[in-house]
N, C-alpha and C. Protein backbone atom coordinates (compact mmCIF):
# COMPACT_ATOMS: atom_id res chain seq x y z
N MET A 1 -8.42 -37.06 -23.70
CA MET A 1 -7.38 -37.22 -22.37
C MET A 1 -6.84 -36.07 -22.08
N ALA A 2 -6.31 -35.36 -23.03
CA ALA A 2 -5.50 -34.23 -23.10
C ALA A 2 -6.60 -32.84 -22.42
N LEU A 3 -7.83 -33.06 -22.80
CA LEU A 3 -8.61 -32.16 -22.17
C LEU A 3 -9.04 -32.12 -20.94
N ILE A 4 -9.28 -33.36 -20.43
CA ILE A 4 -9.57 -33.76 -19.09
C ILE A 4 -8.42 -33.27 -18.12
N LEU A 5 -7.04 -33.61 -18.48
CA LEU A 5 -5.87 -33.05 -17.84
C LEU A 5 -5.85 -31.79 -17.66
N CYS A 6 -6.19 -30.85 -18.77
CA CYS A 6 -6.07 -29.57 -18.83
C CYS A 6 -7.22 -28.80 -18.11
N ALA A 7 -8.31 -29.38 -17.96
CA ALA A 7 -9.25 -29.02 -17.11
C ALA A 7 -8.75 -29.43 -15.58
N ALA A 8 -8.26 -30.78 -15.42
CA ALA A 8 -7.94 -30.57 -13.82
C ALA A 8 -7.09 -29.73 -13.61
N TRP A 9 -6.16 -29.30 -14.33
CA TRP A 9 -4.81 -28.55 -13.82
C TRP A 9 -5.59 -27.30 -13.65
N LEU A 10 -6.87 -26.75 -14.70
CA LEU A 10 -7.23 -25.46 -14.28
C LEU A 10 -8.07 -25.32 -12.83
N ALA A 11 -8.66 -26.49 -12.79
CA ALA A 11 -9.36 -26.47 -11.39
C ALA A 11 -8.49 -26.43 -10.24
N VAL A 12 -7.35 -26.88 -10.29
CA VAL A 12 -6.63 -26.75 -9.07
C VAL A 12 -5.78 -25.64 -9.15
N HIS A 13 -5.25 -25.04 -10.29
CA HIS A 13 -4.69 -23.64 -10.34
C HIS A 13 -5.22 -22.28 -10.28
N CYS A 14 -6.43 -22.45 -10.57
CA CYS A 14 -7.17 -21.16 -10.93
C CYS A 14 -8.24 -21.00 -9.77
N GLN A 15 -8.11 -21.73 -8.51
CA GLN A 15 -9.14 -21.48 -7.54
C GLN A 15 -8.59 -20.20 -7.01
N GLY A 16 -9.59 -19.53 -6.48
CA GLY A 16 -9.33 -18.36 -5.49
C GLY A 16 -8.68 -18.46 -4.11
N PRO A 17 -8.34 -17.63 -3.31
CA PRO A 17 -7.50 -17.89 -2.02
C PRO A 17 -8.27 -18.92 -1.07
N ASN A 18 -7.39 -19.73 -0.55
CA ASN A 18 -7.93 -20.43 0.57
C ASN A 18 -8.25 -19.96 1.89
N GLY A 19 -8.87 -20.14 2.47
CA GLY A 19 -9.23 -20.17 4.17
C GLY A 19 -9.41 -18.57 4.23
N PRO A 20 -9.79 -18.26 5.37
CA PRO A 20 -10.49 -16.97 5.91
C PRO A 20 -9.66 -15.97 5.16
N THR A 21 -10.16 -14.58 5.16
CA THR A 21 -9.48 -13.63 4.81
C THR A 21 -9.69 -12.79 6.16
N THR A 22 -8.99 -11.47 6.16
CA THR A 22 -9.01 -10.70 7.27
C THR A 22 -9.06 -9.35 6.39
N THR A 23 -9.77 -8.37 7.32
CA THR A 23 -9.71 -6.76 7.07
C THR A 23 -8.51 -6.28 7.85
N PRO A 24 -7.58 -5.62 6.70
CA PRO A 24 -6.64 -4.70 7.59
C PRO A 24 -7.19 -3.65 8.44
N VAL A 25 -6.48 -3.43 9.62
CA VAL A 25 -6.80 -2.54 10.78
C VAL A 25 -5.86 -1.35 10.29
N PRO A 26 -6.41 -0.17 10.20
CA PRO A 26 -5.47 1.17 10.19
C PRO A 26 -5.08 1.29 11.34
N ILE A 27 -3.67 1.97 11.42
CA ILE A 27 -2.90 2.41 12.58
C ILE A 27 -3.19 3.73 12.82
N LEU A 28 -3.78 4.17 13.72
CA LEU A 28 -4.11 5.90 13.94
C LEU A 28 -2.79 6.52 14.72
N LYS A 29 -2.06 6.03 15.52
CA LYS A 29 -1.06 6.50 15.89
C LYS A 29 0.02 5.23 16.12
N GLN A 30 1.31 5.94 15.66
CA GLN A 30 2.64 4.94 16.02
C GLN A 30 3.71 5.73 16.80
N ILE A 31 4.44 5.07 17.47
CA ILE A 31 5.72 5.50 18.16
C ILE A 31 6.77 4.43 18.09
N ASN A 32 7.90 5.38 17.60
CA ASN A 32 9.04 4.16 17.86
C ASN A 32 10.46 5.15 18.30
N ARG A 33 10.68 4.84 19.40
CA ARG A 33 12.08 5.41 19.76
C ARG A 33 12.99 4.75 20.30
N GLN A 34 14.15 4.62 19.60
CA GLN A 34 15.47 4.15 20.22
C GLN A 34 16.62 4.68 20.49
N ASN A 35 17.11 4.45 21.59
CA ASN A 35 18.29 5.39 22.29
C ASN A 35 19.37 4.76 22.46
N ASP A 36 20.69 5.72 22.34
CA ASP A 36 21.80 5.07 22.24
C ASP A 36 22.20 4.26 23.61
N ASP A 37 21.30 4.52 24.45
CA ASP A 37 21.73 3.75 25.74
C ASP A 37 20.97 2.34 25.85
N GLY A 38 20.46 2.19 24.82
CA GLY A 38 19.76 0.46 24.80
C GLY A 38 18.51 0.78 25.08
N SER A 39 17.91 1.96 25.49
CA SER A 39 16.46 2.06 26.12
C SER A 39 15.50 2.31 24.68
N TYR A 40 14.18 1.96 24.83
CA TYR A 40 13.46 2.33 23.49
C TYR A 40 11.91 2.55 23.95
N SER A 41 11.06 2.96 23.36
CA SER A 41 9.85 3.24 23.62
C SER A 41 9.08 2.87 22.15
N TYR A 42 7.97 1.89 22.14
CA TYR A 42 7.37 1.81 21.19
C TYR A 42 5.82 1.50 21.49
N GLY A 43 4.82 1.73 20.02
CA GLY A 43 3.46 1.55 20.48
C GLY A 43 2.72 2.12 19.58
N TYR A 44 1.40 1.54 19.42
CA TYR A 44 0.67 2.03 18.45
C TYR A 44 -0.57 1.61 18.94
N GLU A 45 -1.71 2.76 18.13
CA GLU A 45 -3.14 2.57 18.77
C GLU A 45 -3.77 2.35 17.20
N ALA A 46 -4.36 1.20 17.27
CA ALA A 46 -5.24 0.92 15.93
C ALA A 46 -6.70 1.64 16.05
N ALA A 47 -7.40 1.27 14.78
CA ALA A 47 -8.53 1.86 14.68
C ALA A 47 -9.71 0.88 15.41
N ASP A 48 -9.59 -0.33 15.61
CA ASP A 48 -10.23 -1.25 16.07
C ASP A 48 -10.38 -1.04 17.75
N GLY A 49 -9.70 -0.21 18.46
CA GLY A 49 -9.43 -0.01 19.44
C GLY A 49 -8.15 -0.64 20.28
N SER A 50 -7.18 -1.92 19.58
CA SER A 50 -6.41 -2.46 20.05
C SER A 50 -5.36 -1.39 20.36
N PHE A 51 -4.37 -1.60 21.28
CA PHE A 51 -3.07 -0.95 21.32
C PHE A 51 -2.17 -1.39 21.87
N LYS A 52 -0.50 -1.02 21.75
CA LYS A 52 0.35 -1.59 22.97
C LYS A 52 1.31 -0.40 23.00
N ILE A 53 1.93 -0.23 24.41
CA ILE A 53 3.01 0.68 24.41
C ILE A 53 3.94 -0.27 25.46
N GLU A 54 5.16 -0.39 24.86
CA GLU A 54 6.34 -0.69 25.73
C GLU A 54 7.56 0.33 25.76
N THR A 55 8.22 0.07 27.03
CA THR A 55 9.33 0.84 27.14
C THR A 55 10.31 -0.12 27.90
N LYS A 56 11.48 0.19 27.36
CA LYS A 56 12.79 -0.50 28.10
C LYS A 56 13.63 0.58 28.55
N TYR A 57 13.92 0.37 29.96
CA TYR A 57 15.05 1.57 30.50
C TYR A 57 16.35 1.27 30.45
N PRO A 58 17.14 2.33 30.59
CA PRO A 58 18.60 1.87 30.44
C PRO A 58 19.03 0.96 31.23
N ASN A 59 18.46 0.35 32.52
CA ASN A 59 19.06 -0.87 33.34
C ASN A 59 18.26 -2.13 32.76
N GLY A 60 17.34 -2.00 31.76
CA GLY A 60 17.29 -3.26 31.37
C GLY A 60 15.76 -3.77 31.50
N ASP A 61 15.22 -2.99 32.45
CA ASP A 61 13.77 -3.29 32.85
C ASP A 61 12.56 -3.03 31.74
N VAL A 62 11.79 -3.60 31.66
CA VAL A 62 10.66 -3.49 30.49
C VAL A 62 9.39 -3.47 31.08
N ALA A 63 8.68 -2.49 30.85
CA ALA A 63 7.04 -2.29 31.39
C ALA A 63 6.36 -1.87 30.17
N GLY A 64 5.07 -2.39 30.22
CA GLY A 64 4.10 -2.26 28.72
C GLY A 64 2.78 -2.58 29.48
N LYS A 65 2.00 -2.41 28.31
CA LYS A 65 0.58 -2.57 28.45
C LYS A 65 0.10 -2.88 26.98
N TYR A 66 -0.84 -3.65 26.79
CA TYR A 66 -1.82 -3.73 25.66
C TYR A 66 -3.17 -3.96 25.69
N GLY A 67 -4.00 -3.93 24.94
CA GLY A 67 -5.32 -3.84 25.05
C GLY A 67 -5.96 -4.02 23.71
N TYR A 68 -7.19 -4.61 23.80
CA TYR A 68 -8.08 -4.72 22.82
C TYR A 68 -9.51 -4.97 23.02
N VAL A 69 -10.40 -4.75 22.16
CA VAL A 69 -11.98 -4.71 22.65
C VAL A 69 -12.54 -6.04 22.22
N ASP A 70 -13.02 -6.54 23.46
CA ASP A 70 -13.52 -7.71 23.29
C ASP A 70 -15.11 -8.12 22.41
N GLU A 71 -15.41 -9.15 22.54
CA GLU A 71 -16.65 -9.39 21.54
C GLU A 71 -17.85 -8.67 22.12
N ASN A 72 -17.74 -8.25 23.33
CA ASN A 72 -18.93 -7.78 24.08
C ASN A 72 -18.87 -6.03 24.13
N GLY A 73 -17.38 -5.70 23.22
CA GLY A 73 -17.35 -4.36 23.43
C GLY A 73 -16.76 -3.79 24.49
N LYS A 74 -16.12 -4.53 25.56
CA LYS A 74 -15.31 -4.06 26.50
C LYS A 74 -14.13 -4.09 26.45
N THR A 75 -13.32 -2.69 26.75
CA THR A 75 -11.74 -3.00 26.37
C THR A 75 -11.28 -3.68 27.41
N ARG A 76 -10.24 -4.53 27.20
CA ARG A 76 -9.29 -5.46 28.12
C ARG A 76 -8.10 -4.90 28.12
N GLU A 77 -7.36 -4.82 28.90
CA GLU A 77 -6.06 -4.14 29.28
C GLU A 77 -5.02 -5.25 30.06
N ILE A 78 -4.19 -5.41 29.65
CA ILE A 78 -2.95 -6.23 30.37
C ILE A 78 -1.82 -5.32 30.40
N SER A 79 -1.55 -5.22 31.47
CA SER A 79 0.01 -4.26 31.94
C SER A 79 0.99 -5.58 32.24
N TYR A 80 1.90 -5.37 32.16
CA TYR A 80 3.21 -6.28 32.20
C TYR A 80 4.42 -5.62 32.63
N GLY A 81 5.59 -6.41 33.29
CA GLY A 81 7.00 -5.76 33.44
C GLY A 81 7.80 -7.11 33.41
N ALA A 82 9.09 -6.61 33.09
CA ALA A 82 10.23 -7.58 32.94
C ALA A 82 11.25 -7.36 33.48
N SER A 83 12.24 -8.15 34.32
CA SER A 83 13.40 -7.62 35.00
C SER A 83 14.24 -8.90 34.94
N SER A 84 15.52 -8.52 34.91
CA SER A 84 16.43 -9.81 34.99
C SER A 84 16.46 -10.59 36.40
N GLN A 85 15.98 -9.68 37.15
CA GLN A 85 15.86 -10.14 38.82
C GLN A 85 14.48 -10.93 39.12
N ARG A 86 13.15 -10.49 38.33
CA ARG A 86 12.07 -10.81 38.33
C ARG A 86 11.53 -11.80 37.34
N GLY A 87 11.98 -11.65 36.19
CA GLY A 87 11.59 -12.14 35.00
C GLY A 87 10.26 -11.40 34.40
N PHE A 88 9.43 -12.16 33.62
CA PHE A 88 8.10 -11.84 33.10
C PHE A 88 7.04 -11.67 34.01
N GLU A 89 6.54 -10.45 34.26
CA GLU A 89 5.19 -10.29 35.26
C GLU A 89 3.95 -9.61 34.67
N PRO A 90 3.13 -10.52 34.17
CA PRO A 90 1.74 -9.82 33.88
C PRO A 90 1.10 -9.44 35.39
N GLU A 91 0.43 -8.45 34.98
CA GLU A 91 -0.20 -7.69 36.18
C GLU A 91 -1.75 -7.89 35.92
C-alpha cells in the first residue's frame, strides 16, 4: 500500500511544466525617461517586430503608439492619445 501511495505522490509532483511555454523575445532597444515635472517617455523595440512608445507631457496629456507583426507578416500599428478633457482616444 505504501508503495502505491509513494508512486501516486511521485506521479503528481514530478511531472513537467503544465500548459504551453513561450520563448522569450529579446529587447533590441529600450528607453525610459522620467522628468521632474511629471512628464515621461518610455518605449521598446523587440526582435519579433513588436514595439511601444509613449510620452506624457507636463500638462498631463499622453500620446503613444504600439505595434506588432501579425500572422501574415504585416506590421500593425495603433496610435492613441489621452487627456483629462477627451479621455482615451485610439486612432
